[in-house]
Every structure is written in structure tokens, then in C-alpha cells.
Amino acid sequence: MSVWRKIEVTCVTPAGCKTVQDHVALAEIELCGELIIAASAAVEDRLSQDRIDEVLMGVGL
């Protein structure tokens, strides 16, 4: 059974305008992506704290 709920639209980006980007959120997504890539390439089950630091410092924190 699906439940639909009504939501009110309070803000719409005008046609032809660029969308507003949250630079902090985009940076966090990039960091998570780098960690996922490192984890998928790792031989061990978990990344060590040193490896996590190495990955994050390589991104340019």
C-alpha cells in the first residue's frame, strides 16, 4: 500500500538560472567517494586510521 503525502513547494529555481550548490555538501560527497574507492581497493576488511588519514590528506584537506 503506497502512502502519498502532500508537500508544499516554497521555492523554485527560475528558468534559465543556475542552480544553487551547497559547496560543503559537495566536498563531503567527494571525501566519501575517495574513502569508498580506497576501501574497495583495500585488501584488508577495514581501512586503518592511518590509511583513512592518508586518503583524506591526499584530497587536500
N, C-alpha and C. Protein backbone atom coordinates (compact mmCIF):
# COMPACT_ATOMS: atom_id res chain seq x y z
N MET A 1 0.84 -1.18 0.00
CA MET A 1 0.00 0.00 0.00
C MET A 1 0.89 1.24 0.00
N SER A 2 0.70 2.08 -0.96
CA SER A 2 1.51 3.30 -1.02
C SER A 2 0.78 4.44 -0.32
N VAL A 3 1.56 5.28 0.31
CA VAL A 3 1.00 6.42 1.02
C VAL A 3 1.54 7.68 0.34
N TRP A 4 0.66 8.51 -0.09
CA TRP A 4 1.06 9.77 -0.71
C TRP A 4 0.87 10.88 0.29
N ARG A 5 1.80 11.78 0.31
CA ARG A 5 1.63 12.93 1.18
C ARG A 5 1.81 14.20 0.37
N LYS A 6 1.10 15.17 0.74
CA LYS A 6 1.11 16.44 0.05
C LYS A 6 2.21 17.31 0.65
N ILE A 7 3.07 17.88 -0.20
CA ILE A 7 4.10 18.79 0.27
C ILE A 7 3.93 20.13 -0.43
N GLU A 8 4.26 21.15 0.27
CA GLU A 8 4.13 22.50 -0.26
C GLU A 8 5.47 22.93 -0.86
N VAL A 9 5.44 23.43 -2.07
CA VAL A 9 6.63 23.95 -2.72
C VAL A 9 6.79 25.40 -2.29
N THR A 10 7.93 25.70 -1.67
CA THR A 10 8.14 27.06 -1.17
C THR A 10 9.18 27.84 -1.98
N CYS A 11 9.94 27.13 -2.81
CA CYS A 11 10.98 27.81 -3.57
C CYS A 11 11.23 27.06 -4.86
N VAL A 12 11.30 27.77 -5.95
CA VAL A 12 11.58 27.17 -7.25
C VAL A 12 12.68 27.98 -7.91
N THR A 13 13.64 27.28 -8.51
CA THR A 13 14.71 27.96 -9.23
C THR A 13 14.13 28.52 -10.52
N PRO A 14 14.30 29.80 -10.78
CA PRO A 14 13.76 30.40 -12.00
C PRO A 14 14.37 29.75 -13.25
N ALA A 15 13.58 29.68 -14.31
CA ALA A 15 14.05 29.10 -15.57
C ALA A 15 15.24 29.88 -16.09
N GLY A 16 16.24 29.18 -16.55
CA GLY A 16 17.42 29.83 -17.12
C GLY A 16 18.49 30.17 -16.10
N CYS A 17 18.19 30.03 -14.82
CA CYS A 17 19.17 30.33 -13.77
C CYS A 17 19.93 29.07 -13.40
N LYS A 18 21.16 29.24 -13.00
CA LYS A 18 21.93 28.12 -12.50
C LYS A 18 21.41 27.73 -11.12
N THR A 19 21.49 26.44 -10.82
CA THR A 19 21.04 26.00 -9.51
C THR A 19 22.06 26.38 -8.46
N VAL A 20 21.60 26.58 -7.26
CA VAL A 20 22.48 26.90 -6.14
C VAL A 20 23.10 25.60 -5.64
N GLN A 21 24.41 25.60 -5.43
CA GLN A 21 25.08 24.40 -4.96
C GLN A 21 25.60 24.61 -3.55
N ASP A 22 25.46 23.61 -2.75
CA ASP A 22 25.98 23.63 -1.39
C ASP A 22 27.41 23.09 -1.45
N HIS A 23 28.41 23.96 -1.40
CA HIS A 23 29.80 23.57 -1.58
C HIS A 23 30.29 22.65 -0.46
N VAL A 24 29.77 22.83 0.74
CA VAL A 24 30.16 21.95 1.85
C VAL A 24 29.66 20.53 1.58
N ALA A 25 28.42 20.41 1.16
CA ALA A 25 27.86 19.08 0.86
C ALA A 25 28.63 18.42 -0.28
N LEU A 26 28.96 19.18 -1.31
CA LEU A 26 29.71 18.62 -2.43
C LEU A 26 31.09 18.15 -2.00
N ALA A 27 31.74 18.88 -1.11
CA ALA A 27 33.05 18.49 -0.59
C ALA A 27 32.94 17.20 0.22
N GLU A 28 31.90 17.09 1.03
CA GLU A 28 31.69 15.88 1.83
C GLU A 28 31.43 14.68 0.94
N ILE A 29 30.68 14.86 -0.12
CA ILE A 29 30.42 13.77 -1.06
C ILE A 29 31.71 13.33 -1.73
N GLU A 30 32.55 14.28 -2.09
CA GLU A 30 33.85 13.95 -2.70
C GLU A 30 34.71 13.14 -1.73
N LEU A 31 34.75 13.55 -0.47
CA LEU A 31 35.54 12.82 0.54
C LEU A 31 35.02 11.40 0.72
N CYS A 32 33.70 11.26 0.78
CA CYS A 32 33.12 9.92 0.92
C CYS A 32 33.46 9.06 -0.28
N GLY A 33 33.42 9.64 -1.45
CA GLY A 33 33.78 8.91 -2.67
C GLY A 33 35.21 8.42 -2.64
N GLU A 34 36.11 9.28 -2.19
CA GLU A 34 37.52 8.89 -2.10
C GLU A 34 37.71 7.74 -1.10
N LEU A 35 36.98 7.80 0.01
CA LEU A 35 37.07 6.72 1.00
C LEU A 35 36.49 5.42 0.46
N ILE A 36 35.41 5.50 -0.29
CA ILE A 36 34.81 4.31 -0.88
C ILE A 36 35.77 3.67 -1.88
N ILE A 37 36.42 4.49 -2.69
CA ILE A 37 37.39 3.97 -3.66
C ILE A 37 38.54 3.29 -2.94
N ALA A 38 39.04 3.93 -1.88
CA ALA A 38 40.15 3.34 -1.12
C ALA A 38 39.73 2.03 -0.46
N ALA A 39 38.51 1.99 0.08
CA ALA A 39 38.02 0.79 0.75
C ALA A 39 37.83 -0.35 -0.24
N SER A 40 37.36 -0.04 -1.43
CA SER A 40 37.14 -1.09 -2.42
C SER A 40 38.45 -1.65 -2.96
N ALA A 41 39.52 -0.86 -2.92
CA ALA A 41 40.82 -1.31 -3.39
C ALA A 41 41.65 -1.98 -2.30
N ALA A 42 41.19 -1.88 -1.05
CA ALA A 42 41.96 -2.40 0.08
C ALA A 42 41.87 -3.93 0.14
N VAL A 43 42.95 -4.54 0.58
CA VAL A 43 43.00 -5.99 0.76
C VAL A 43 42.35 -6.36 2.09
N GLU A 44 42.57 -5.55 3.11
CA GLU A 44 42.02 -5.83 4.44
C GLU A 44 40.53 -5.50 4.49
N ASP A 45 39.86 -5.98 5.54
CA ASP A 45 38.42 -5.77 5.70
C ASP A 45 38.07 -4.31 5.98
N ARG A 46 38.93 -3.64 6.73
CA ARG A 46 38.68 -2.24 7.11
C ARG A 46 39.92 -1.40 6.84
N LEU A 47 39.68 -0.12 6.58
CA LEU A 47 40.80 0.80 6.43
C LEU A 47 41.32 1.18 7.81
N SER A 48 42.62 1.22 7.95
CA SER A 48 43.21 1.66 9.21
C SER A 48 43.05 3.17 9.32
N GLN A 49 43.17 3.68 10.53
CA GLN A 49 43.06 5.12 10.72
C GLN A 49 44.15 5.85 9.93
N ASP A 50 45.34 5.26 9.86
CA ASP A 50 46.43 5.86 9.09
C ASP A 50 46.09 5.94 7.60
N ARG A 51 45.46 4.88 7.07
CA ARG A 51 45.08 4.87 5.65
C ARG A 51 43.97 5.89 5.38
N ILE A 52 43.02 5.99 6.31
CA ILE A 52 41.96 6.99 6.17
C ILE A 52 42.56 8.40 6.13
N ASP A 53 43.48 8.66 7.05
CA ASP A 53 44.15 9.97 7.07
C ASP A 53 44.89 10.22 5.78
N GLU A 54 45.57 9.19 5.28
CA GLU A 54 46.34 9.32 4.03
C GLU A 54 45.40 9.67 2.86
N VAL A 55 44.27 8.99 2.77
CA VAL A 55 43.31 9.25 1.70
C VAL A 55 42.77 10.67 1.80
N LEU A 56 42.36 11.06 3.01
CA LEU A 56 41.77 12.38 3.18
C LEU A 56 42.78 13.51 2.98
N MET A 57 44.02 13.29 3.40
CA MET A 57 45.04 14.32 3.19
C MET A 57 45.41 14.44 1.71
N GLY A 58 45.29 13.34 0.98
CA GLY A 58 45.55 13.36 -0.46
C GLY A 58 44.52 14.16 -1.22
N VAL A 59 43.33 14.29 -0.65
CA VAL A 59 42.26 15.05 -1.30
C VAL A 59 42.52 16.55 -1.12
N GLY A 60 43.27 16.91 -0.12
CA GLY A 60 43.62 18.32 0.08
C GLY A 60 42.88 18.98 1.21
N LEU A 61 42.70 18.26 2.30
CA LEU A 61 42.06 18.86 3.47
C LEU A 61 42.91 19.92 4.10
